[in-house]
Amino acid sequence: MPLAEDHLLTAEIHPIDIVETLAEYRAWEFDRVADDQIAMAVEGQWRSYSLTLAWSGADETLRLICTYDMEPPADRMAEVYEILNLANDLVWSGGFTYWAQQNLMVWRYGLLLSGGQIAAPEQIDQMIQAAVSACERFYPAFQLVAWADRAPDEALKLAIAQAYGRA
């Protein structure tokens, strides 16, 4: 079944309704938190990721936040922030940040839909897949910096070298 069903491409469809349909289609665990917000769990190779998508009608933006727990040692935080900056230089859509108070590594992205534009299901699906892919790509590098005392530039080489296939 294609993601872009005719009934989804109407002006009345709410972006979070599209996300909910995608979550059902992909068999992801989800909770419709509010009319304008949905939370999901997506399983990756390294771990499960918590995703929240929220629609803001005021600025016509669909916001995606993908998080996972990470509590690096305090003496490694400068290196963690350094690798975050290096990683963000390598990505084009979205970016990483670390929320120290919540001990969360965060990938954020905002899809601007100004002027009444409608996001296609494939566009939202790609947005979610890009978030999980970015987290999967950089997860080992972040872990090496936080826990194995690796230098950020050295650890980042793992994220740059894209693996093919599956072990």
C-alpha atoms as a PDB file:
ATOM      1  CA  MET A   1       0.000   0.000   0.000  1.00  0.00           C
ATOM      2  CA  PRO A   2       1.499   3.363  -0.958  1.00  0.00           C
ATOM      3  CA  LEU A   3       1.842   5.954   1.767  1.00  0.00           C
ATOM      4  CA  ALA A   4       0.112   8.632  -0.320  1.00  0.00           C
ATOM      5  CA  GLU A   5      -3.452   7.402  -0.421  1.00  0.00           C
ATOM      6  CA  ASP A   6      -5.926   9.707  -2.192  1.00  0.00           C
ATOM      7  CA  HIS A   7      -7.887  10.281   1.005  1.00  0.00           C
ATOM      8  CA  LEU A   8      -4.733  11.589   2.725  1.00  0.00           C
ATOM      9  CA  LEU A   9      -4.111  14.314   0.161  1.00  0.00           C
ATOM     10  CA  THR A  10      -6.984  16.595   1.073  1.00  0.00           C
ATOM     11  CA  ALA A  11      -6.687  20.074   2.521  1.00  0.00           C
ATOM     12  CA  GLU A  12      -8.525  19.044   5.703  1.00  0.00           C
ATOM     13  CA  ILE A  13      -5.978  16.438   6.793  1.00  0.00           C
ATOM     14  CA  HIS A  14      -4.048  17.447   9.890  1.00  0.00           C
ATOM     15  CA  PRO A  15      -0.267  16.742   9.840  1.00  0.00           C
ATOM     16  CA  ILE A  16      -0.506  14.757  13.069  1.00  0.00           C
ATOM     17  CA  ASP A  17      -3.264  12.607  11.516  1.00  0.00           C
ATOM     18  CA  ILE A  18      -0.784  11.751   8.757  1.00  0.00           C
ATOM     19  CA  VAL A  19       1.849  10.874  11.369  1.00  0.00           C
ATOM     20  CA  GLU A  20      -0.639   8.663  13.203  1.00  0.00           C
ATOM     21  CA  THR A  21      -1.483   6.843   9.949  1.00  0.00           C
ATOM     22  CA  LEU A  22       2.244   6.348   9.284  1.00  0.00           C
ATOM     23  CA  ALA A  23       2.786   5.009  12.806  1.00  0.00           C
ATOM     24  CA  GLU A  24      -0.023   2.494  12.296  1.00  0.00           C
ATOM     25  CA  TYR A  25       1.334   1.560   8.845  1.00  0.00           C
ATOM     26  CA  ARG A  26       4.853   1.018  10.246  1.00  0.00           C
ATOM     27  CA  ALA A  27       3.528  -0.760  13.380  1.00  0.00           C
ATOM     28  CA  TRP A  28       5.283   1.694  15.701  1.00  0.00           C
ATOM     29  CA  GLU A  29       4.084   2.164  19.264  1.00  0.00           C
ATOM     30  CA  PHE A  30       2.463   5.587  19.533  1.00  0.00           C
ATOM     31  CA  ASP A  31       0.339   7.770  21.761  1.00  0.00           C
ATOM     32  CA  ARG A  32      -1.709  10.667  20.437  1.00  0.00           C
ATOM     33  CA  VAL A  33      -0.816  13.056  23.264  1.00  0.00           C
ATOM     34  CA  ALA A  34      -3.079  15.858  21.987  1.00  0.00           C
ATOM     35  CA  ASP A  35      -4.720  16.955  18.750  1.00  0.00           C
ATOM     36  CA  ASP A  36      -1.457  18.643  17.751  1.00  0.00           C
ATOM     37  CA  GLN A  37       1.053  16.146  19.178  1.00  0.00           C
ATOM     38  CA  ILE A  38       1.998  12.483  18.890  1.00  0.00           C
ATOM     39  CA  ALA A  39       4.702  10.462  20.653  1.00  0.00           C
ATOM     40  CA  MET A  40       6.185   7.273  19.187  1.00  0.00           C
ATOM     41  CA  ALA A  41       8.822   4.667  19.870  1.00  0.00           C
ATOM     42  CA  VAL A  42      10.904   3.574  16.888  1.00  0.00           C
ATOM     43  CA  GLU A  43      13.307   0.658  17.155  1.00  0.00           C
ATOM     44  CA  GLY A  44      16.762   1.222  15.709  1.00  0.00           C
ATOM     45  CA  GLN A  45      19.777  -1.040  15.415  1.00  0.00           C
ATOM     46  CA  TRP A  46      21.464   0.497  18.477  1.00  0.00           C
ATOM     47  CA  ARG A  47      18.422   1.289  20.624  1.00  0.00           C
ATOM     48  CA  SER A  48      14.823   2.492  20.728  1.00  0.00           C
ATOM     49  CA  TYR A  49      14.271   6.153  19.978  1.00  0.00           C
ATOM     50  CA  SER A  50      11.493   8.316  21.359  1.00  0.00           C
ATOM     51  CA  LEU A  51       9.997  10.604  18.739  1.00  0.00           C
ATOM     52  CA  THR A  52       7.580  13.429  19.302  1.00  0.00           C
ATOM     53  CA  LEU A  53       5.984  15.332  16.452  1.00  0.00           C
ATOM     54  CA  ALA A  54       3.999  18.460  17.180  1.00  0.00           C
ATOM     55  CA  TRP A  55       2.126  20.823  14.895  1.00  0.00           C
ATOM     56  CA  SER A  56       2.240  24.558  15.599  1.00  0.00           C
ATOM     57  CA  GLY A  57      -0.470  26.372  13.683  1.00  0.00           C
ATOM     58  CA  ALA A  58       0.896  29.722  14.855  1.00  0.00           C
ATOM     59  CA  ASP A  59       4.117  29.367  12.868  1.00  0.00           C
ATOM     60  CA  GLU A  60       2.885  26.594  10.541  1.00  0.00           C
ATOM     61  CA  THR A  61       5.674  24.206  11.501  1.00  0.00           C
ATOM     62  CA  LEU A  62       5.696  20.478  12.071  1.00  0.00           C
ATOM     63  CA  ARG A  63       8.372  19.892  14.706  1.00  0.00           C
ATOM     64  CA  LEU A  64      10.116  16.583  15.214  1.00  0.00           C
ATOM     65  CA  ILE A  65      12.177  15.716  18.281  1.00  0.00           C
ATOM     66  CA  CYS A  66      13.960  12.359  18.454  1.00  0.00           C
ATOM     67  CA  THR A  67      15.596  11.523  21.780  1.00  0.00           C
ATOM     68  CA  TYR A  68      17.419   8.851  23.684  1.00  0.00           C
ATOM     69  CA  ASP A  69      18.859   8.672  27.193  1.00  0.00           C
ATOM     70  CA  MET A  70      22.504   9.519  27.583  1.00  0.00           C
ATOM     71  CA  GLU A  71      24.269  10.501  30.776  1.00  0.00           C
ATOM     72  CA  PRO A  72      27.908  11.172  29.932  1.00  0.00           C
ATOM     73  CA  PRO A  73      30.372  11.745  32.756  1.00  0.00           C
ATOM     74  CA  ALA A  74      30.688  15.397  33.722  1.00  0.00           C
ATOM     75  CA  ASP A  75      34.399  15.440  32.866  1.00  0.00           C
ATOM     76  CA  ARG A  76      33.586  14.444  29.229  1.00  0.00           C
ATOM     77  CA  MET A  77      30.931  17.104  28.545  1.00  0.00           C
ATOM     78  CA  ALA A  78      33.302  19.459  26.698  1.00  0.00           C
ATOM     79  CA  GLU A  79      34.176  16.627  24.300  1.00  0.00           C
ATOM     80  CA  VAL A  80      30.498  15.655  23.933  1.00  0.00           C
ATOM     81  CA  TYR A  81      29.628  19.220  22.925  1.00  0.00           C
ATOM     82  CA  GLU A  82      32.577  19.260  20.536  1.00  0.00           C
ATOM     83  CA  ILE A  83      31.427  16.102  18.743  1.00  0.00           C
ATOM     84  CA  LEU A  84      27.886  17.491  18.581  1.00  0.00           C
ATOM     85  CA  ASN A  85      29.222  20.513  16.724  1.00  0.00           C
ATOM     86  CA  LEU A  86      31.272  18.307  14.400  1.00  0.00           C
ATOM     87  CA  ALA A  87      28.269  16.055  13.726  1.00  0.00           C
ATOM     88  CA  ASN A  88      26.009  19.035  13.018  1.00  0.00           C
ATOM     89  CA  ASP A  89      28.490  20.214  10.390  1.00  0.00           C
ATOM     90  CA  LEU A  90      27.886  16.924   8.536  1.00  0.00           C
ATOM     91  CA  VAL A  91      24.082  16.974   8.468  1.00  0.00           C
ATOM     92  CA  TRP A  92      21.874  19.136   6.303  1.00  0.00           C
ATOM     93  CA  SER A  93      18.426  18.721   7.770  1.00  0.00           C
ATOM     94  CA  GLY A  94      18.010  18.904  11.506  1.00  0.00           C
ATOM     95  CA  GLY A  95      20.636  18.943  14.177  1.00  0.00           C
ATOM     96  CA  PHE A  96      21.776  17.465  17.463  1.00  0.00           C
ATOM     97  CA  THR A  97      21.732  19.034  20.873  1.00  0.00           C
ATOM     98  CA  TYR A  98      22.134  17.662  24.387  1.00  0.00           C
ATOM     99  CA  TRP A  99      19.588  18.427  27.091  1.00  0.00           C
ATOM    100  CA  ALA A 100      21.699  18.011  30.221  1.00  0.00           C
ATOM    101  CA  GLN A 101      18.853  18.526  32.680  1.00  0.00           C
ATOM    102  CA  GLN A 102      16.922  15.599  31.184  1.00  0.00           C
ATOM    103  CA  ASN A 103      20.016  13.529  30.231  1.00  0.00           C
ATOM    104  CA  LEU A 104      18.791  13.313  26.639  1.00  0.00           C
ATOM    105  CA  MET A 105      20.567  13.335  23.313  1.00  0.00           C
ATOM    106  CA  VAL A 106      18.226  15.147  20.942  1.00  0.00           C
ATOM    107  CA  TRP A 107      17.771  15.382  17.168  1.00  0.00           C
ATOM    108  CA  ARG A 108      15.523  18.299  16.172  1.00  0.00           C
ATOM    109  CA  TYR A 109      13.944  19.271  12.885  1.00  0.00           C
ATOM    110  CA  GLY A 110      11.194  21.651  11.862  1.00  0.00           C
ATOM    111  CA  LEU A 111       9.234  21.320   8.624  1.00  0.00           C
ATOM    112  CA  LEU A 112       7.896  24.728   7.625  1.00  0.00           C
ATOM    113  CA  LEU A 113       4.508  24.498   5.920  1.00  0.00           C
ATOM    114  CA  SER A 114       3.686  28.188   5.527  1.00  0.00           C
ATOM    115  CA  GLY A 115       0.895  29.476   3.370  1.00  0.00           C
ATOM    116  CA  GLY A 116      -1.357  26.497   4.020  1.00  0.00           C
ATOM    117  CA  GLN A 117       0.980  23.932   2.466  1.00  0.00           C
ATOM    118  CA  ILE A 118       0.268  20.291   3.170  1.00  0.00           C
ATOM    119  CA  ALA A 119       2.958  17.763   3.994  1.00  0.00           C
ATOM    120  CA  ALA A 120       2.756  14.572   1.972  1.00  0.00           C
ATOM    121  CA  PRO A 121       2.895  11.276   3.872  1.00  0.00           C
ATOM    122  CA  GLU A 122       6.159  10.401   2.089  1.00  0.00           C
ATOM    123  CA  GLN A 123       7.653  13.713   3.202  1.00  0.00           C
ATOM    124  CA  ILE A 124       6.782  13.090   6.854  1.00  0.00           C
ATOM    125  CA  ASP A 125       7.939   9.472   6.612  1.00  0.00           C
ATOM    126  CA  GLN A 126      11.274  10.652   5.187  1.00  0.00           C
ATOM    127  CA  MET A 127      11.558  13.211   7.990  1.00  0.00           C
ATOM    128  CA  ILE A 128      11.127  10.452  10.594  1.00  0.00           C
ATOM    129  CA  GLN A 129      13.494   8.078   8.792  1.00  0.00           C
ATOM    130  CA  ALA A 130      16.135  10.835   8.514  1.00  0.00           C
ATOM    131  CA  ALA A 131      15.929  11.480  12.270  1.00  0.00           C
ATOM    132  CA  VAL A 132      16.376   7.816  13.169  1.00  0.00           C
ATOM    133  CA  SER A 133      19.151   7.434  10.569  1.00  0.00           C
ATOM    134  CA  ALA A 134      21.049  10.406  11.962  1.00  0.00           C
ATOM    135  CA  CYS A 135      20.772   9.048  15.513  1.00  0.00           C
ATOM    136  CA  GLU A 136      21.882   5.592  14.364  1.00  0.00           C
ATOM    137  CA  ARG A 137      24.779   7.029  12.359  1.00  0.00           C
ATOM    138  CA  PHE A 138      26.237   9.117  15.181  1.00  0.00           C
ATOM    139  CA  TYR A 139      25.295   6.977  18.205  1.00  0.00           C
ATOM    140  CA  PRO A 140      28.560   4.964  18.242  1.00  0.00           C
ATOM    141  CA  ALA A 141      30.673   8.109  17.924  1.00  0.00           C
ATOM    142  CA  PHE A 142      28.843   9.827  20.785  1.00  0.00           C
ATOM    143  CA  GLN A 143      29.297   6.733  22.946  1.00  0.00           C
ATOM    144  CA  LEU A 144      33.026   6.501  22.174  1.00  0.00           C
ATOM    145  CA  VAL A 145      33.540  10.116  23.179  1.00  0.00           C
ATOM    146  CA  ALA A 146      31.477   9.837  26.363  1.00  0.00           C
ATOM    147  CA  TRP A 147      32.577   6.433  27.614  1.00  0.00           C
ATOM    148  CA  ALA A 148      35.775   5.357  25.850  1.00  0.00           C
ATOM    149  CA  ASP A 149      37.671   8.640  26.197  1.00  0.00           C
ATOM    150  CA  ARG A 150      38.089   8.917  22.428  1.00  0.00           C
ATOM    151  CA  ALA A 151      38.822  12.263  20.823  1.00  0.00           C
ATOM    152  CA  PRO A 152      35.788  13.690  19.006  1.00  0.00           C
ATOM    153  CA  ASP A 153      37.492  13.835  15.590  1.00  0.00           C
ATOM    154  CA  GLU A 154      38.671  10.227  15.946  1.00  0.00           C
ATOM    155  CA  ALA A 155      35.242   8.965  17.034  1.00  0.00           C
ATOM    156  CA  LEU A 156      33.544  10.875  14.243  1.00  0.00           C
ATOM    157  CA  LYS A 157      35.422   8.818  11.644  1.00  0.00           C
ATOM    158  CA  LEU A 158      33.089   5.942  12.542  1.00  0.00           C
ATOM    159  CA  ALA A 159      30.047   8.019  11.658  1.00  0.00           C
ATOM    160  CA  ILE A 160      31.574   9.185   8.386  1.00  0.00           C
ATOM    161  CA  ALA A 161      32.369   5.641   7.248  1.00  0.00           C
ATOM    162  CA  GLN A 162      28.945   4.408   6.167  1.00  0.00           C
ATOM    163  CA  ALA A 163      28.565   0.648   6.499  1.00  0.00           C
ATOM    164  CA  TYR A 164      26.842  -1.404   3.845  1.00  0.00           C
ATOM    165  CA  GLY A 165      24.820  -4.502   4.533  1.00  0.00           C
ATOM    166  CA  ARG A 166      24.057  -6.014   7.906  1.00  0.00           C
ATOM    167  CA  ALA A 167      26.154  -8.199  10.172  1.00  0.00           C
END
